[in-house]
Amino acid sequence: MPFREISAKMVQAEVAPGQRVFSQRGAMIAYKGEVSFTPNTRSGQGGVLSMIGRRVANEAAPLMTVEGSGQVWFGHGGHHVQVVELAGDTLYVEADRLLAFDGTLEQGTVFLGAQGGVRGVVRGQVTGQGLFTTSLRGTGGVAVMAHGGVLPLPVTPGRPVHVDPQAYVAHHGDVRNKLSTALGWRDMVGRGSGEAFQLELSGEGTVYVQASEEKL
């Protein structure tokens, strides 16, 4: 894994010849060695590049490719950073939560409805996360961002985890999600809080949440 947590808000990436690291544009803080930074301008079905985690509103998280030989330090907006190590599995993460990731990972976009039918679509509309989320699959490291720190919560069979949709950051493993109402319809009338809804994750894996409902 090329990433190492330097502090709660910064990671270091080791870049070697023949290897690539992707990061959000503007996330480079400093670097040493012979390292190049190239903006990604292409997009395509199922790929990240400039359209990683694209939304219905055609929003995108612009990326840059980092190559060469040396060390690069990444951080963004003073957000807390957590490195997630994948070992052949898949991480599902909101695009704006991605700081940097190993270029060996297979990247794609996932339609939320595929994990929850109509409920998945409703989740995207209600939470403002959009109808698509980003998938990263393979073996390597991913640095994700959050407000107030990242808490990994285990999801075990028969014991689902309920998360405030605004606090959701990412999940991996054999995990299914669905949106459910936390309050009755009459209680929801006149309420604008996202707490009227819960994201229920079941199966086996890990869900990552942030200590805030604030969007990045």
N, C-alpha and C. Protein backbone atom coordinates (compact mmCIF):
# COMPACT_ATOMS: atom_id res chain seq x y z
N MET A 1 0.85 -1.20 0.00
CA MET A 1 0.00 0.00 0.00
C MET A 1 0.88 1.24 0.00
N PRO A 2 0.69 2.18 -0.93
CA PRO A 2 1.60 3.32 -1.04
C PRO A 2 1.30 4.44 -0.06
N PHE A 3 0.22 4.36 0.73
CA PHE A 3 -0.17 5.46 1.59
C PHE A 3 0.20 5.21 3.05
N ARG A 4 0.59 6.30 3.72
CA ARG A 4 0.90 6.24 5.14
C ARG A 4 0.32 7.48 5.80
N GLU A 5 -0.44 7.28 6.87
CA GLU A 5 -1.04 8.41 7.58
C GLU A 5 0.05 9.15 8.36
N ILE A 6 0.26 10.43 8.01
CA ILE A 6 1.26 11.25 8.69
C ILE A 6 0.66 11.93 9.91
N SER A 7 -0.58 12.36 9.78
CA SER A 7 -1.32 12.95 10.88
C SER A 7 -2.79 12.66 10.63
N ALA A 8 -3.65 13.18 11.47
CA ALA A 8 -5.09 12.94 11.29
C ALA A 8 -5.62 13.58 10.01
N LYS A 9 -4.84 14.52 9.42
CA LYS A 9 -5.34 15.26 8.27
C LYS A 9 -4.40 15.23 7.07
N MET A 10 -3.45 14.31 7.08
CA MET A 10 -2.47 14.28 5.99
C MET A 10 -1.97 12.86 5.77
N VAL A 11 -1.77 12.49 4.49
CA VAL A 11 -1.18 11.20 4.16
C VAL A 11 0.02 11.40 3.24
N GLN A 12 0.92 10.43 3.29
CA GLN A 12 2.08 10.42 2.40
C GLN A 12 1.95 9.26 1.44
N ALA A 13 2.22 9.50 0.16
CA ALA A 13 2.17 8.44 -0.85
C ALA A 13 3.57 8.21 -1.40
N GLU A 14 3.97 6.95 -1.49
CA GLU A 14 5.22 6.58 -2.12
C GLU A 14 4.94 6.31 -3.59
N VAL A 15 5.58 7.05 -4.46
CA VAL A 15 5.38 6.91 -5.90
C VAL A 15 6.64 6.29 -6.50
N ALA A 16 6.46 5.22 -7.28
CA ALA A 16 7.59 4.52 -7.88
C ALA A 16 7.40 4.44 -9.39
N PRO A 17 8.49 4.31 -10.15
CA PRO A 17 8.38 4.22 -11.61
C PRO A 17 7.44 3.08 -12.02
N GLY A 18 6.60 3.35 -13.00
CA GLY A 18 5.67 2.35 -13.48
C GLY A 18 4.39 2.25 -12.68
N GLN A 19 4.25 3.04 -11.62
CA GLN A 19 3.06 3.03 -10.78
C GLN A 19 2.39 4.40 -10.85
N ARG A 20 1.09 4.38 -10.58
CA ARG A 20 0.33 5.64 -10.60
C ARG A 20 -0.49 5.77 -9.33
N VAL A 21 -0.71 7.01 -8.94
CA VAL A 21 -1.63 7.35 -7.85
C VAL A 21 -2.59 8.39 -8.40
N PHE A 22 -3.87 8.25 -8.07
CA PHE A 22 -4.85 9.26 -8.43
C PHE A 22 -5.19 10.08 -7.18
N SER A 23 -5.42 11.38 -7.36
CA SER A 23 -5.82 12.21 -6.24
C SER A 23 -6.76 13.30 -6.73
N GLN A 24 -7.47 13.90 -5.79
CA GLN A 24 -8.26 15.07 -6.14
C GLN A 24 -7.31 16.20 -6.55
N ARG A 25 -7.73 16.98 -7.53
CA ARG A 25 -6.91 18.11 -7.94
C ARG A 25 -6.84 19.12 -6.81
N GLY A 26 -5.64 19.66 -6.62
CA GLY A 26 -5.44 20.63 -5.56
C GLY A 26 -5.16 20.02 -4.20
N ALA A 27 -5.08 18.68 -4.13
CA ALA A 27 -4.87 18.02 -2.84
C ALA A 27 -3.39 17.85 -2.50
N MET A 28 -2.49 18.10 -3.48
CA MET A 28 -1.06 17.96 -3.20
C MET A 28 -0.59 19.09 -2.30
N ILE A 29 0.04 18.73 -1.20
CA ILE A 29 0.57 19.72 -0.26
C ILE A 29 2.06 19.96 -0.50
N ALA A 30 2.80 18.86 -0.73
CA ALA A 30 4.24 18.96 -0.98
C ALA A 30 4.70 17.65 -1.61
N TYR A 31 5.89 17.69 -2.22
CA TYR A 31 6.45 16.44 -2.75
C TYR A 31 7.97 16.54 -2.81
N LYS A 32 8.62 15.36 -2.88
CA LYS A 32 10.06 15.26 -3.06
C LYS A 32 10.32 14.26 -4.19
N GLY A 33 11.34 14.51 -4.97
CA GLY A 33 11.72 13.60 -6.03
C GLY A 33 11.25 14.08 -7.39
N GLU A 34 11.34 13.18 -8.35
CA GLU A 34 10.93 13.47 -9.73
C GLU A 34 9.49 12.99 -9.91
N VAL A 35 8.55 13.87 -9.65
CA VAL A 35 7.13 13.51 -9.67
C VAL A 35 6.39 14.44 -10.62
N SER A 36 5.49 13.88 -11.43
CA SER A 36 4.69 14.68 -12.35
C SER A 36 3.21 14.58 -11.98
N PHE A 37 2.48 15.64 -12.29
CA PHE A 37 1.05 15.72 -11.99
C PHE A 37 0.31 16.08 -13.28
N THR A 38 -0.62 15.21 -13.69
CA THR A 38 -1.33 15.40 -14.96
C THR A 38 -2.83 15.41 -14.71
N PRO A 39 -3.54 16.47 -15.09
CA PRO A 39 -5.00 16.48 -14.93
C PRO A 39 -5.65 15.44 -15.82
N ASN A 40 -6.70 14.80 -15.32
CA ASN A 40 -7.47 13.87 -16.13
C ASN A 40 -8.60 14.63 -16.80
N THR A 41 -8.72 14.48 -18.09
CA THR A 41 -9.75 15.21 -18.82
C THR A 41 -10.72 14.29 -19.52
N ARG A 42 -10.43 12.98 -19.54
CA ARG A 42 -11.33 12.05 -20.20
C ARG A 42 -12.38 11.55 -19.23
N SER A 43 -13.47 11.03 -19.77
CA SER A 43 -14.49 10.37 -18.97
C SER A 43 -15.05 9.24 -19.79
N GLY A 44 -15.66 8.29 -19.11
CA GLY A 44 -16.22 7.17 -19.84
C GLY A 44 -17.15 6.36 -18.98
N GLN A 45 -17.95 5.52 -19.64
CA GLN A 45 -18.89 4.66 -18.93
C GLN A 45 -18.12 3.73 -18.02
N GLY A 46 -18.43 3.75 -16.73
CA GLY A 46 -17.84 2.83 -15.79
C GLY A 46 -16.45 3.20 -15.33
N GLY A 47 -15.88 4.32 -15.78
CA GLY A 47 -14.54 4.69 -15.36
C GLY A 47 -14.57 5.93 -14.51
N VAL A 48 -13.46 6.18 -13.80
CA VAL A 48 -13.43 7.40 -12.99
C VAL A 48 -12.95 8.56 -13.83
N LEU A 49 -11.65 8.80 -13.82
CA LEU A 49 -11.05 9.94 -14.46
C LEU A 49 -11.80 11.20 -14.04
N SER A 50 -12.18 12.06 -14.98
CA SER A 50 -12.76 13.32 -14.55
C SER A 50 -14.21 13.18 -14.12
N MET A 51 -14.83 12.00 -14.34
CA MET A 51 -16.24 11.84 -14.02
C MET A 51 -16.44 10.85 -12.89
N ILE A 52 -15.46 10.69 -12.03
CA ILE A 52 -15.58 9.71 -10.97
C ILE A 52 -16.79 10.02 -10.10
N GLY A 53 -17.56 8.97 -9.87
CA GLY A 53 -18.72 9.13 -9.02
C GLY A 53 -19.69 10.16 -9.55
N ARG A 54 -19.91 10.21 -10.85
CA ARG A 54 -20.72 11.27 -11.43
C ARG A 54 -22.13 11.25 -10.86
N ARG A 55 -22.73 12.41 -10.80
CA ARG A 55 -24.06 12.55 -10.24
C ARG A 55 -25.06 12.82 -11.34
N VAL A 56 -26.33 12.74 -11.02
CA VAL A 56 -27.38 13.05 -11.98
C VAL A 56 -27.23 14.47 -12.48
N ALA A 57 -26.77 15.37 -11.61
CA ALA A 57 -26.59 16.78 -11.98
C ALA A 57 -25.30 17.01 -12.75
N ASN A 58 -24.63 15.91 -13.17
CA ASN A 58 -23.39 15.99 -13.94
C ASN A 58 -22.25 16.62 -13.14
N GLU A 59 -22.31 16.48 -11.82
CA GLU A 59 -21.20 16.93 -11.00
C GLU A 59 -20.07 15.93 -11.13
N ALA A 60 -18.86 16.36 -10.85
CA ALA A 60 -17.71 15.47 -10.94
C ALA A 60 -16.68 15.85 -9.91
N ALA A 61 -15.86 14.88 -9.53
CA ALA A 61 -14.72 15.14 -8.67
C ALA A 61 -13.48 15.10 -9.54
N PRO A 62 -12.94 16.24 -9.95
CA PRO A 62 -11.80 16.26 -10.87
C PRO A 62 -10.57 15.62 -10.24
N LEU A 63 -9.88 14.81 -11.02
CA LEU A 63 -8.72 14.07 -10.54
C LEU A 63 -7.46 14.47 -11.28
N MET A 64 -6.33 14.09 -10.69
CA MET A 64 -5.06 14.21 -11.38
C MET A 64 -4.29 12.91 -11.18
N THR A 65 -3.46 12.58 -12.17
CA THR A 65 -2.61 11.41 -12.11
C THR A 65 -1.24 11.81 -11.60
N VAL A 66 -0.74 11.06 -10.64
CA VAL A 66 0.57 11.34 -10.04
C VAL A 66 1.50 10.19 -10.42
N GLU A 67 2.63 10.51 -11.06
CA GLU A 67 3.58 9.49 -11.52
C GLU A 67 5.01 9.97 -11.26
N GLY A 68 5.94 9.00 -11.34
CA GLY A 68 7.34 9.35 -11.18
C GLY A 68 8.00 8.56 -10.08
N SER A 69 8.89 9.21 -9.34
CA SER A 69 9.62 8.56 -8.26
C SER A 69 9.83 9.56 -7.13
N GLY A 70 9.25 9.28 -5.98
CA GLY A 70 9.40 10.18 -4.85
C GLY A 70 8.29 10.03 -3.84
N GLN A 71 8.13 11.02 -3.00
CA GLN A 71 7.10 11.03 -1.97
C GLN A 71 6.20 12.26 -2.19
N VAL A 72 4.89 12.05 -2.01
CA VAL A 72 3.92 13.14 -2.16
C VAL A 72 3.04 13.17 -0.92
N TRP A 73 2.81 14.38 -0.41
CA TRP A 73 1.94 14.55 0.75
C TRP A 73 0.62 15.16 0.31
N PHE A 74 -0.50 14.54 0.77
CA PHE A 74 -1.83 14.97 0.37
C PHE A 74 -2.66 15.37 1.59
N GLY A 75 -3.48 16.39 1.39
CA GLY A 75 -4.46 16.82 2.38
C GLY A 75 -5.41 17.77 1.67
N HIS A 76 -6.58 17.98 2.26
CA HIS A 76 -7.54 18.85 1.56
C HIS A 76 -8.51 19.48 2.55
N GLY A 77 -8.52 20.80 2.59
CA GLY A 77 -9.50 21.53 3.39
C GLY A 77 -9.42 21.31 4.88
N GLY A 78 -8.34 20.74 5.36
CA GLY A 78 -8.23 20.45 6.78
C GLY A 78 -9.11 19.30 7.23
N HIS A 79 -9.63 18.50 6.28
CA HIS A 79 -10.50 17.38 6.64
C HIS A 79 -9.67 16.23 7.22
N HIS A 80 -10.30 15.47 8.09
CA HIS A 80 -9.65 14.28 8.61
C HIS A 80 -9.54 13.23 7.51
N VAL A 81 -8.47 12.43 7.57
CA VAL A 81 -8.19 11.45 6.52
C VAL A 81 -8.05 10.06 7.15
N GLN A 82 -8.61 9.08 6.48
CA GLN A 82 -8.49 7.68 6.91
C GLN A 82 -8.03 6.87 5.71
N VAL A 83 -7.01 6.02 5.90
CA VAL A 83 -6.55 5.13 4.84
C VAL A 83 -7.25 3.79 5.00
N VAL A 84 -7.92 3.35 3.93
CA VAL A 84 -8.59 2.06 3.90
C VAL A 84 -7.80 1.14 2.99
N GLU A 85 -7.42 -0.02 3.48
CA GLU A 85 -6.65 -0.98 2.70
C GLU A 85 -7.58 -2.05 2.14
N LEU A 86 -7.56 -2.21 0.83
CA LEU A 86 -8.37 -3.24 0.18
C LEU A 86 -7.49 -4.44 -0.15
N ALA A 87 -8.06 -5.63 0.05
CA ALA A 87 -7.35 -6.87 -0.24
C ALA A 87 -8.21 -7.73 -1.15
N GLY A 88 -8.42 -7.24 -2.38
CA GLY A 88 -9.20 -7.98 -3.34
C GLY A 88 -10.69 -7.72 -3.27
N ASP A 89 -11.13 -6.83 -2.39
CA ASP A 89 -12.55 -6.53 -2.28
C ASP A 89 -12.86 -5.17 -2.89
N THR A 90 -14.08 -4.69 -2.68
CA THR A 90 -14.54 -3.45 -3.30
C THR A 90 -14.95 -2.44 -2.25
N LEU A 91 -14.51 -1.20 -2.44
CA LEU A 91 -14.93 -0.10 -1.58
C LEU A 91 -15.91 0.77 -2.35
N TYR A 92 -17.05 1.07 -1.73
CA TYR A 92 -18.02 2.00 -2.29
C TYR A 92 -17.91 3.30 -1.50
N VAL A 93 -17.66 4.41 -2.18
CA VAL A 93 -17.37 5.66 -1.49
C VAL A 93 -17.95 6.83 -2.26
N GLU A 94 -18.43 7.83 -1.52
CA GLU A 94 -18.91 9.04 -2.17
C GLU A 94 -17.72 9.76 -2.83
N ALA A 95 -17.91 10.24 -4.06
CA ALA A 95 -16.80 10.80 -4.84
C ALA A 95 -16.12 11.95 -4.12
N ASP A 96 -16.89 12.81 -3.45
CA ASP A 96 -16.27 13.97 -2.81
C ASP A 96 -15.53 13.60 -1.54
N ARG A 97 -15.61 12.32 -1.12
CA ARG A 97 -14.87 11.86 0.05
C ARG A 97 -13.49 11.31 -0.32
N LEU A 98 -13.23 11.15 -1.60
CA LEU A 98 -11.96 10.58 -2.04
C LEU A 98 -10.86 11.63 -2.02
N LEU A 99 -9.77 11.32 -1.35
CA LEU A 99 -8.59 12.19 -1.38
C LEU A 99 -7.59 11.67 -2.39
N ALA A 100 -7.25 10.38 -2.30
CA ALA A 100 -6.29 9.77 -3.21
C ALA A 100 -6.45 8.26 -3.14
N PHE A 101 -5.99 7.56 -4.20
CA PHE A 101 -6.08 6.10 -4.19
C PHE A 101 -5.06 5.50 -5.13
N ASP A 102 -4.75 4.24 -4.88
CA ASP A 102 -3.76 3.50 -5.65
C ASP A 102 -4.24 3.32 -7.08
N GLY A 103 -3.37 3.58 -8.04
CA GLY A 103 -3.73 3.47 -9.44
C GLY A 103 -3.96 2.04 -9.91
N THR A 104 -3.60 1.04 -9.11
CA THR A 104 -3.83 -0.35 -9.49
C THR A 104 -5.28 -0.76 -9.30
N LEU A 105 -6.05 0.03 -8.57
CA LEU A 105 -7.44 -0.34 -8.29
C LEU A 105 -8.31 -0.14 -9.51
N GLU A 106 -9.24 -1.07 -9.70
CA GLU A 106 -10.21 -0.97 -10.79
C GLU A 106 -11.31 -0.01 -10.38
N GLN A 107 -11.57 0.99 -11.21
CA GLN A 107 -12.49 2.05 -10.83
C GLN A 107 -13.78 1.96 -11.64
N GLY A 108 -14.87 2.37 -11.02
CA GLY A 108 -16.14 2.37 -11.71
C GLY A 108 -17.17 3.20 -10.98
N THR A 109 -18.36 3.27 -11.55
CA THR A 109 -19.48 3.93 -10.90
C THR A 109 -20.61 2.93 -10.74
N VAL A 110 -21.37 3.07 -9.67
CA VAL A 110 -22.43 2.13 -9.35
C VAL A 110 -23.73 2.89 -9.19
N PHE A 111 -24.78 2.41 -9.82
CA PHE A 111 -26.10 2.99 -9.68
C PHE A 111 -26.68 2.54 -8.35
N LEU A 112 -27.04 3.50 -7.50
CA LEU A 112 -27.53 3.17 -6.17
C LEU A 112 -28.77 2.30 -6.21
N GLY A 113 -29.58 2.44 -7.24
CA GLY A 113 -30.78 1.64 -7.33
C GLY A 113 -30.48 0.15 -7.38
N ALA A 114 -29.25 -0.20 -7.83
CA ALA A 114 -28.89 -1.59 -7.93
C ALA A 114 -28.81 -2.25 -6.57
N GLN A 115 -28.59 -1.45 -5.51
CA GLN A 115 -28.50 -2.01 -4.17
C GLN A 115 -29.76 -1.76 -3.36
N GLY A 116 -30.75 -1.16 -3.95
CA GLY A 116 -31.94 -0.93 -3.15
C GLY A 116 -33.17 -0.60 -3.97
N GLY A 117 -33.12 -0.89 -5.28
CA GLY A 117 -34.27 -0.61 -6.12
C GLY A 117 -34.70 0.84 -6.03
N VAL A 118 -35.99 1.04 -5.91
CA VAL A 118 -36.52 2.41 -5.81
C VAL A 118 -35.97 3.10 -4.57
N ARG A 119 -35.78 2.35 -3.50
CA ARG A 119 -35.26 2.95 -2.27
C ARG A 119 -33.88 3.54 -2.50
N GLY A 120 -33.07 2.86 -3.33
CA GLY A 120 -31.75 3.39 -3.63
C GLY A 120 -31.82 4.72 -4.35
N VAL A 121 -32.78 4.83 -5.26
CA VAL A 121 -32.97 6.09 -5.98
C VAL A 121 -33.42 7.18 -5.02
N VAL A 122 -34.37 6.83 -4.13
CA VAL A 122 -34.85 7.80 -3.15
C VAL A 122 -33.72 8.26 -2.26
N ARG A 123 -32.87 7.33 -1.86
CA ARG A 123 -31.73 7.69 -1.01
C ARG A 123 -30.88 8.76 -1.67
N GLY A 124 -30.60 8.58 -2.96
CA GLY A 124 -29.78 9.56 -3.67
C GLY A 124 -30.43 10.93 -3.72
N GLN A 125 -31.75 10.96 -3.90
CA GLN A 125 -32.45 12.23 -3.97
C GLN A 125 -32.54 12.90 -2.62
N VAL A 126 -32.81 12.11 -1.58
CA VAL A 126 -33.01 12.68 -0.25
C VAL A 126 -31.71 13.17 0.36
N THR A 127 -30.64 12.38 0.23
CA THR A 127 -29.38 12.72 0.89
C THR A 127 -28.56 13.72 0.10
N GLY A 128 -28.88 13.92 -1.17
CA GLY A 128 -28.09 14.82 -1.99
C GLY A 128 -26.82 14.18 -2.50
N GLN A 129 -26.67 12.85 -2.30
CA GLN A 129 -25.46 12.16 -2.74
C GLN A 129 -25.53 11.80 -4.22
N GLY A 130 -26.68 11.98 -4.84
CA GLY A 130 -26.82 11.61 -6.24
C GLY A 130 -27.23 10.17 -6.38
N LEU A 131 -27.42 9.73 -7.62
CA LEU A 131 -27.85 8.36 -7.88
C LEU A 131 -26.69 7.42 -8.14
N PHE A 132 -25.49 7.95 -8.26
CA PHE A 132 -24.32 7.13 -8.51
C PHE A 132 -23.33 7.28 -7.36
N THR A 133 -22.60 6.21 -7.10
CA THR A 133 -21.49 6.31 -6.16
C THR A 133 -20.29 5.64 -6.80
N THR A 134 -19.12 5.80 -6.24
CA THR A 134 -17.88 5.31 -6.83
C THR A 134 -17.49 3.97 -6.25
N SER A 135 -17.00 3.08 -7.09
CA SER A 135 -16.47 1.80 -6.62
C SER A 135 -15.00 1.69 -6.96
N LEU A 136 -14.22 1.15 -6.02
CA LEU A 136 -12.79 0.89 -6.21
C LEU A 136 -12.55 -0.56 -5.80
N ARG A 137 -12.00 -1.35 -6.73
CA ARG A 137 -11.87 -2.79 -6.49
C ARG A 137 -10.45 -3.25 -6.72
N GLY A 138 -9.99 -4.18 -5.87
CA GLY A 138 -8.67 -4.76 -6.04
C GLY A 138 -7.87 -4.74 -4.76
N THR A 139 -6.55 -4.65 -4.91
CA THR A 139 -5.65 -4.63 -3.77
C THR A 139 -4.86 -3.32 -3.79
N GLY A 140 -5.00 -2.53 -2.74
CA GLY A 140 -4.32 -1.24 -2.68
C GLY A 140 -4.94 -0.36 -1.63
N GLY A 141 -4.46 0.87 -1.55
CA GLY A 141 -4.91 1.80 -0.53
C GLY A 141 -5.79 2.89 -1.08
N VAL A 142 -6.72 3.35 -0.24
CA VAL A 142 -7.60 4.46 -0.57
C VAL A 142 -7.61 5.42 0.61
N ALA A 143 -7.37 6.69 0.37
CA ALA A 143 -7.43 7.71 1.43
C ALA A 143 -8.76 8.45 1.28
N VAL A 144 -9.62 8.34 2.31
CA VAL A 144 -10.92 9.00 2.27
C VAL A 144 -10.94 10.15 3.28
N MET A 145 -11.80 11.14 3.03
CA MET A 145 -11.88 12.33 3.87
C MET A 145 -13.21 12.38 4.60
N ALA A 146 -13.22 13.09 5.74
CA ALA A 146 -14.45 13.25 6.50
C ALA A 146 -14.30 14.42 7.46
N HIS A 147 -15.45 14.91 7.93
CA HIS A 147 -15.46 15.93 8.98
C HIS A 147 -15.36 15.26 10.34
N GLY A 148 -14.43 15.73 11.16
CA GLY A 148 -14.37 15.27 12.54
C GLY A 148 -13.87 13.87 12.76
N GLY A 149 -13.26 13.27 11.76
CA GLY A 149 -12.72 11.93 11.92
C GLY A 149 -13.60 10.88 11.27
N VAL A 150 -13.03 9.69 11.03
CA VAL A 150 -13.73 8.58 10.40
C VAL A 150 -13.83 7.43 11.39
N LEU A 151 -15.04 6.90 11.56
CA LEU A 151 -15.27 5.78 12.47
C LEU A 151 -15.65 4.55 11.66
N PRO A 152 -14.84 3.47 11.71
CA PRO A 152 -15.23 2.22 11.03
C PRO A 152 -16.15 1.41 11.94
N LEU A 153 -17.30 1.01 11.42
CA LEU A 153 -18.25 0.21 12.18
C LEU A 153 -18.43 -1.14 11.50
N PRO A 154 -18.20 -2.25 12.22
CA PRO A 154 -18.39 -3.56 11.60
C PRO A 154 -19.86 -3.86 11.36
N VAL A 155 -20.14 -4.46 10.21
CA VAL A 155 -21.48 -4.93 9.89
C VAL A 155 -21.42 -6.45 9.89
N THR A 156 -22.21 -7.09 10.75
CA THR A 156 -22.19 -8.54 10.88
C THR A 156 -23.56 -9.13 10.56
N PRO A 157 -23.61 -10.37 10.11
CA PRO A 157 -24.89 -10.99 9.74
C PRO A 157 -25.89 -10.95 10.90
N GLY A 158 -27.08 -10.52 10.60
CA GLY A 158 -28.13 -10.45 11.60
C GLY A 158 -28.09 -9.23 12.49
N ARG A 159 -27.07 -8.37 12.32
CA ARG A 159 -26.94 -7.17 13.14
C ARG A 159 -26.66 -5.96 12.23
N PRO A 160 -27.68 -5.47 11.55
CA PRO A 160 -27.49 -4.33 10.65
C PRO A 160 -27.09 -3.08 11.40
N VAL A 161 -26.44 -2.17 10.70
CA VAL A 161 -26.03 -0.89 11.26
C VAL A 161 -26.88 0.21 10.61
N HIS A 162 -27.42 1.11 11.42
CA HIS A 162 -28.21 2.22 10.91
C HIS A 162 -27.38 3.50 11.00
N VAL A 163 -27.32 4.22 9.89
CA VAL A 163 -26.45 5.39 9.77
C VAL A 163 -27.27 6.58 9.28
N ASP A 164 -26.99 7.74 9.84
CA ASP A 164 -27.54 8.97 9.28
C ASP A 164 -26.95 9.13 7.87
N PRO A 165 -27.79 9.27 6.84
CA PRO A 165 -27.27 9.34 5.46
C PRO A 165 -26.22 10.43 5.27
N GLN A 166 -26.33 11.56 5.99
CA GLN A 166 -25.36 12.64 5.84
C GLN A 166 -24.02 12.30 6.48
N ALA A 167 -24.01 11.30 7.36
CA ALA A 167 -22.76 10.91 8.03
C ALA A 167 -22.05 9.78 7.28
N TYR A 168 -22.72 9.19 6.30
CA TYR A 168 -22.14 8.08 5.55
C TYR A 168 -20.94 8.55 4.72
N VAL A 169 -19.85 7.77 4.76
CA VAL A 169 -18.65 8.05 3.98
C VAL A 169 -18.41 6.96 2.94
N ALA A 170 -18.38 5.70 3.38
CA ALA A 170 -18.05 4.60 2.48
C ALA A 170 -18.40 3.28 3.15
N HIS A 171 -18.35 2.20 2.37
CA HIS A 171 -18.46 0.86 2.95
C HIS A 171 -17.80 -0.15 2.03
N HIS A 172 -17.41 -1.29 2.60
CA HIS A 172 -16.91 -2.38 1.77
C HIS A 172 -17.28 -3.70 2.40
N GLY A 173 -17.15 -4.76 1.61
CA GLY A 173 -17.58 -6.08 2.04
C GLY A 173 -18.89 -6.46 1.38
N ASP A 174 -19.48 -7.55 1.83
CA ASP A 174 -20.76 -8.02 1.30
C ASP A 174 -21.87 -7.30 2.05
N VAL A 175 -22.03 -6.02 1.74
CA VAL A 175 -22.96 -5.15 2.47
C VAL A 175 -24.04 -4.65 1.52
N ARG A 176 -25.27 -4.71 1.97
CA ARG A 176 -26.41 -4.17 1.22
C ARG A 176 -26.95 -2.97 1.97
N ASN A 177 -27.48 -2.00 1.23
CA ASN A 177 -28.02 -0.82 1.89
C ASN A 177 -29.44 -0.55 1.42
N LYS A 178 -30.21 0.05 2.31
CA LYS A 178 -31.55 0.50 1.94
C LYS A 178 -31.90 1.69 2.82
N LEU A 179 -32.77 2.52 2.30
CA LEU A 179 -33.20 3.71 3.03
C LEU A 179 -34.49 3.39 3.76
N SER A 180 -34.59 3.78 5.03
CA SER A 180 -35.81 3.57 5.79
C SER A 180 -36.14 4.84 6.54
N THR A 181 -37.40 5.00 6.88
CA THR A 181 -37.83 6.18 7.63
C THR A 181 -37.65 5.94 9.11
N ALA A 182 -37.09 6.93 9.79
CA ALA A 182 -36.88 6.83 11.23
C ALA A 182 -38.10 7.30 12.00
N LEU A 183 -38.96 8.04 11.34
CA LEU A 183 -40.13 8.60 12.00
C LEU A 183 -41.38 8.27 11.20
N GLY A 184 -42.52 8.31 11.86
CA GLY A 184 -43.77 8.11 11.15
C GLY A 184 -44.06 9.30 10.24
N TRP A 185 -44.95 9.09 9.27
CA TRP A 185 -45.24 10.15 8.30
C TRP A 185 -45.74 11.41 8.99
N ARG A 186 -46.59 11.27 9.99
CA ARG A 186 -47.12 12.45 10.66
C ARG A 186 -46.01 13.20 11.39
N ASP A 187 -45.05 12.47 11.95
CA ASP A 187 -43.94 13.12 12.64
C ASP A 187 -43.02 13.83 11.66
N MET A 188 -42.98 13.35 10.43
CA MET A 188 -42.07 13.92 9.43
C MET A 188 -42.59 15.23 8.86
N VAL A 189 -43.90 15.46 8.93
CA VAL A 189 -44.46 16.67 8.35
C VAL A 189 -43.86 17.90 9.03
N GLY A 190 -43.31 18.80 8.23
CA GLY A 190 -42.73 20.02 8.78
C GLY A 190 -41.30 19.87 9.23
N ARG A 191 -40.74 18.66 9.10
CA ARG A 191 -39.35 18.45 9.50
C ARG A 191 -38.46 18.47 8.28
N GLY A 192 -37.37 19.21 8.34
CA GLY A 192 -36.44 19.26 7.22
C GLY A 192 -35.18 18.48 7.48
N SER A 193 -35.05 17.90 8.67
CA SER A 193 -33.83 17.20 9.04
C SER A 193 -33.69 15.89 8.30
N GLY A 194 -32.47 15.58 7.91
CA GLY A 194 -32.20 14.29 7.29
C GLY A 194 -32.38 13.14 8.26
N GLU A 195 -32.50 13.43 9.57
CA GLU A 195 -32.67 12.37 10.55
C GLU A 195 -34.02 11.69 10.43
N ALA A 196 -34.91 12.22 9.58
CA ALA A 196 -36.16 11.54 9.31
C ALA A 196 -35.91 10.25 8.54
N PHE A 197 -34.70 10.07 8.03
CA PHE A 197 -34.34 8.88 7.26
C PHE A 197 -33.11 8.23 7.86
N GLN A 198 -33.02 6.92 7.70
CA GLN A 198 -31.85 6.18 8.12
C GLN A 198 -31.37 5.33 6.96
N LEU A 199 -30.06 5.13 6.88
CA LEU A 199 -29.48 4.22 5.92
C LEU A 199 -29.16 2.93 6.66
N GLU A 200 -29.83 1.86 6.29
CA GLU A 200 -29.62 0.58 6.95
C GLU A 200 -28.67 -0.27 6.13
N LEU A 201 -27.57 -0.71 6.75
CA LEU A 201 -26.58 -1.54 6.08
C LEU A 201 -26.56 -2.91 6.74
N SER A 202 -26.72 -3.95 5.94
CA SER A 202 -26.78 -5.31 6.46
C SER A 202 -25.83 -6.20 5.67
N GLY A 203 -25.54 -7.36 6.23
CA GLY A 203 -24.62 -8.29 5.60
C GLY A 203 -23.37 -8.47 6.42
N GLU A 204 -22.22 -8.40 5.76
CA GLU A 204 -20.94 -8.57 6.46
C GLU A 204 -19.89 -7.69 5.82
N GLY A 205 -19.32 -6.80 6.60
CA GLY A 205 -18.30 -5.89 6.09
C GLY A 205 -18.08 -4.75 7.05
N THR A 206 -17.76 -3.58 6.52
CA THR A 206 -17.48 -2.40 7.34
C THR A 206 -18.10 -1.18 6.69
N VAL A 207 -18.69 -0.31 7.52
CA VAL A 207 -19.19 0.97 7.03
C VAL A 207 -18.41 2.07 7.74
N TYR A 208 -18.03 3.10 7.01
CA TYR A 208 -17.27 4.22 7.55
C TYR A 208 -18.17 5.44 7.65
N VAL A 209 -18.20 6.05 8.82
CA VAL A 209 -19.04 7.22 9.05
C VAL A 209 -18.19 8.36 9.60
N GLN A 210 -18.67 9.58 9.40
CA GLN A 210 -17.97 10.74 9.91
C GLN A 210 -18.70 11.31 11.12
N ALA A 211 -17.97 12.08 11.93
CA ALA A 211 -18.53 12.63 13.17
C ALA A 211 -19.20 13.96 12.90
N SER A 212 -19.96 14.04 11.82
CA SER A 212 -20.62 15.29 11.44
C SER A 212 -21.63 14.98 10.37
N GLU A 213 -22.65 15.84 10.25
CA GLU A 213 -23.61 15.73 9.16
C GLU A 213 -23.29 16.74 8.05
N GLU A 214 -22.17 17.43 8.20
CA GLU A 214 -21.80 18.47 7.24
C GLU A 214 -21.25 17.85 5.96
N LYS A 215 -21.65 18.37 4.82
CA LYS A 215 -21.13 17.90 3.55
C LYS A 215 -19.75 18.51 3.30
N LEU A 216 -18.94 17.80 2.52
CA LEU A 216 -17.62 18.31 2.17
C LEU A 216 -17.76 19.32 1.04
